[in-house]
């Protein structure tokens, strides 16, 4: 699929609040999977671009959005295009964890900060010279996995089966979860993989079923996270299902159907916002984002769109600080922007509260997660 500029109806949709492209002083690229197998995640992300801040201090912001078709090769092409031709100061995206891993050498080579709305902690951990330029607006795997492990211990679960994507997302989850499970006396007795584009996982499901684990953790994203669950349920598996925050969208509930009932996952407060107390500092930020999104598109956004919204908030705070050191469009500005992002402290956003550091380019703590289950086909807080 050829990388394409997403124009929607007119460019003004992408540049809401900017009367003229020539006035924009900061250029931010956005790369998302608006088409292809990851589109259920990428569409709310690309739809969020018109809602991003267009002013940061005295500077205006121009957003240039590209679709990578869910293809890591096209992600690299899109990033190179944005850096070489548009000379962007930072890039929000891409949608998938494998896509994010594929561009790490290029953002480092060009000294361009990337704010990736992806799940795999491997994008920012362990910290390397390349990953110094990568930041994440999704909770790191260990924060989510610890919540699931704690619930498993409360339920007396002793054995777990795992099935996850055969890519960076599945690799990351398998590594983190297996380590935490062992530390907590839980035996990971079988691990299987599948592709994002697979239409059947019967073989993997039969192996898991024969192992008879007390629970199964599925590490997938979007609607594809439902396939192992519906398959296992249809074959008679009656243990507890756990999902990662990659399943936190309406499409999972739709595709999983009755098998989703009782599923447990940890994700942001956005899934269960009516149950969140008004004292939570993120609640008004989420409500504002949802109101804007519904007003434009006539439907509620998925949490994945909110990850892009948070990237905009992070940049809005960091840009004026970077501008004190250099002017936009220069490598010095991009370096100063990277430094400013790394110094983010107590920034309240939709997904939680961000506190970045040289060692932590995600910045979440337990305020960035809620333990959630499915009841009567809806997400509800697990009590």
Foldseek 3Di string as FASTA:
>chain_A
DAKDWDQPPHVCQLQPPDPDPVQAFAEEEEEEACAALLNLLGVLQVLLNSVFAQDFPPGGYGYTYMHQNPDLVSLQVRVCCCCPPVVHLAYEDYREPQSLVSCLVVCLVSLHAYEYAYEEPVCQPPHDSSNLRYFYLFDYLLQFLVVVLVVCVVVVFAEEEEEEAPGRQRVRNVVNNCVVCVVVRHHHDYYYYDHSPDPADLVVLVVVVVVLGQEYEYRYAALSSQRSQQNNVVVPDDHAYEYEQRDQDLNVLVNNPPSQAFYKTKFACLQALVVDDPPLPANVQSVVSQVVSCVVPVDGRTVSNQSSNVVSVLQSHQQVQLVVQHGHSDSSSSNSSSVSSQQQDQCHGNQAGAGHHSRHSNRDHNRRIFMWGADPSGIHGDD
